[in-house]
C-alpha cells in the first residue's frame, strides 16, 4: 500500500519498519526543528518492512522520485 501511495509525492523517505515510520511521522508533525530542516517538501514516509531497499529505490527513481533511505546499521 505504501508503494502505491508514494507515487503522489515528490520525495519519499524509506524506513525499515512501522515503528520508524510512526517515529518520523511524529517528528514531522510535532517537532518544528525537524520540520524546518526538511523544509516545505511534498514528502511521504514509506515503511519497507525490512532491509531490502534496492528494488523499491530503483522503481521510485524510475518514477522520478527523490528517495532517502533511513536505516540503523544492522544489515
C-alpha atoms as a PDB file:
ATOM      1  CA  UNK A   1       0.000   0.000   0.000  1.00  0.00           C
ATOM      2  CA  UNK A   2       2.825   2.442   0.818  1.00  0.00           C
ATOM      3  CA  UNK A   3       4.396   1.979  -2.605  1.00  0.00           C
ATOM      4  CA  UNK A   4       1.157   2.912  -4.357  1.00  0.00           C
ATOM      5  CA  UNK A   5       0.712   5.961  -2.112  1.00  0.00           C
ATOM      6  CA  UNK A   6       4.264   7.150  -2.721  1.00  0.00           C
ATOM      7  CA  UNK A   7       3.623   7.951  -6.397  1.00  0.00           C
ATOM      8  CA  UNK A   8       1.738  11.090  -5.361  1.00  0.00           C
ATOM      9  CA  UNK A   9       4.775  12.629  -3.621  1.00  0.00           C
ATOM     10  CA  UNK A  10       7.967  14.254  -4.865  1.00  0.00           C
ATOM     11  CA  UNK A  11      10.148  12.968  -2.004  1.00  0.00           C
ATOM     12  CA  UNK A  12       9.987   9.504  -0.444  1.00  0.00           C
ATOM     13  CA  UNK A  13      11.733   8.584   2.792  1.00  0.00           C
ATOM     14  CA  UNK A  14      12.034   4.803   3.153  1.00  0.00           C
ATOM     15  CA  UNK A  15      12.399   3.426   6.675  1.00  0.00           C
ATOM     16  CA  UNK A  16      12.852  -0.169   7.868  1.00  0.00           C
ATOM     17  CA  UNK A  17       9.711  -0.765   9.897  1.00  0.00           C
ATOM     18  CA  UNK A  18       6.419   0.520  11.216  1.00  0.00           C
ATOM     19  CA  UNK A  19       7.895   1.918  14.428  1.00  0.00           C
ATOM     20  CA  UNK A  20      10.366   4.056  12.438  1.00  0.00           C
ATOM     21  CA  UNK A  21       7.538   5.298  10.220  1.00  0.00           C
ATOM     22  CA  UNK A  22       5.496   6.311  13.276  1.00  0.00           C
ATOM     23  CA  UNK A  23       8.551   7.978  14.820  1.00  0.00           C
ATOM     24  CA  UNK A  24       9.405  10.073  11.752  1.00  0.00           C
ATOM     25  CA  UNK A  25       5.757  10.991  11.130  1.00  0.00           C
ATOM     26  CA  UNK A  26       5.598  12.174  14.737  1.00  0.00           C
ATOM     27  CA  UNK A  27       8.718  14.286  14.220  1.00  0.00           C
ATOM     28  CA  UNK A  28       7.263  15.828  11.083  1.00  0.00           C
ATOM     29  CA  UNK A  29       4.034  16.723  12.845  1.00  0.00           C
ATOM     30  CA  UNK A  30       5.309  17.768  16.268  1.00  0.00           C
ATOM     31  CA  UNK A  31       8.955  18.832  16.056  1.00  0.00           C
ATOM     32  CA  UNK A  32       9.357  22.257  14.489  1.00  0.00           C
ATOM     33  CA  UNK A  33      13.149  21.925  14.230  1.00  0.00           C
ATOM     34  CA  UNK A  34      12.884  18.667  12.258  1.00  0.00           C
ATOM     35  CA  UNK A  35      10.155  20.084  10.036  1.00  0.00           C
ATOM     36  CA  UNK A  36      12.219  23.216   9.403  1.00  0.00           C
ATOM     37  CA  UNK A  37      15.272  21.182   8.325  1.00  0.00           C
ATOM     38  CA  UNK A  38      13.207  19.285   5.775  1.00  0.00           C
ATOM     39  CA  UNK A  39      11.586  22.448   4.516  1.00  0.00           C
ATOM     40  CA  UNK A  40       8.190  22.565   2.913  1.00  0.00           C
ATOM     41  CA  UNK A  41       8.640  19.459   0.806  1.00  0.00           C
ATOM     42  CA  UNK A  42       5.952  17.205  -0.569  1.00  0.00           C
ATOM     43  CA  UNK A  43       7.195  14.044   1.133  1.00  0.00           C
ATOM     44  CA  UNK A  44       5.964  10.625   2.102  1.00  0.00           C
ATOM     45  CA  UNK A  45       7.408   8.254   4.686  1.00  0.00           C
ATOM     46  CA  UNK A  46       7.274   4.664   3.471  1.00  0.00           C
ATOM     47  CA  UNK A  47       7.660   1.554   5.617  1.00  0.00           C
ATOM     48  CA  UNK A  48       9.795  -1.083   3.916  1.00  0.00           C
ATOM     49  CA  UNK A  49       9.261  -3.904   6.446  1.00  0.00           C
ATOM     50  CA  UNK A  50      12.885  -4.993   6.264  1.00  0.00           C
ATOM     51  CA  UNK A  51      16.289  -4.067   4.930  1.00  0.00           C
ATOM     52  CA  UNK A  52      15.899  -4.919   1.244  1.00  0.00           C
ATOM     53  CA  UNK A  53      15.542  -1.471  -0.311  1.00  0.00           C
ATOM     54  CA  UNK A  54      17.157  -1.786  -3.738  1.00  0.00           C
ATOM     55  CA  UNK A  55      14.071  -2.761  -5.720  1.00  0.00           C
ATOM     56  CA  UNK A  56      11.885  -0.024  -4.254  1.00  0.00           C
ATOM     57  CA  UNK A  57      14.584   2.625  -4.613  1.00  0.00           C
ATOM     58  CA  UNK A  58      15.149   1.618  -8.229  1.00  0.00           C
ATOM     59  CA  UNK A  59      11.440   1.761  -9.048  1.00  0.00           C
ATOM     60  CA  UNK A  60      10.912   5.101  -7.308  1.00  0.00           C
ATOM     61  CA  UNK A  61      13.866   6.645  -9.121  1.00  0.00           C
ATOM     62  CA  UNK A  62      12.419   5.462 -12.441  1.00  0.00           C
ATOM     63  CA  UNK A  63       9.276   7.360 -11.428  1.00  0.00           C
ATOM     64  CA  UNK A  64      11.446  10.476 -10.899  1.00  0.00           C
ATOM     65  CA  UNK A  65      11.086  10.473  -7.119  1.00  0.00           C
ATOM     66  CA  UNK A  66      13.776  11.800  -4.815  1.00  0.00           C
ATOM     67  CA  UNK A  67      14.481   8.951  -2.401  1.00  0.00           C
ATOM     68  CA  UNK A  68      16.057   8.965   1.043  1.00  0.00           C
ATOM     69  CA  UNK A  69      16.685   5.685   2.885  1.00  0.00           C
ATOM     70  CA  UNK A  70      16.950   5.859   6.682  1.00  0.00           C
ATOM     71  CA  UNK A  71      18.221   2.738   8.422  1.00  0.00           C
ATOM     72  CA  UNK A  72      20.053   1.724  11.512  1.00  0.00           C
ATOM     73  CA  UNK A  73      23.267  -0.192  10.983  1.00  0.00           C
ATOM     74  CA  UNK A  74      22.046  -3.745  11.430  1.00  0.00           C
ATOM     75  CA  UNK A  75      22.260  -5.009   7.865  1.00  0.00           C
END
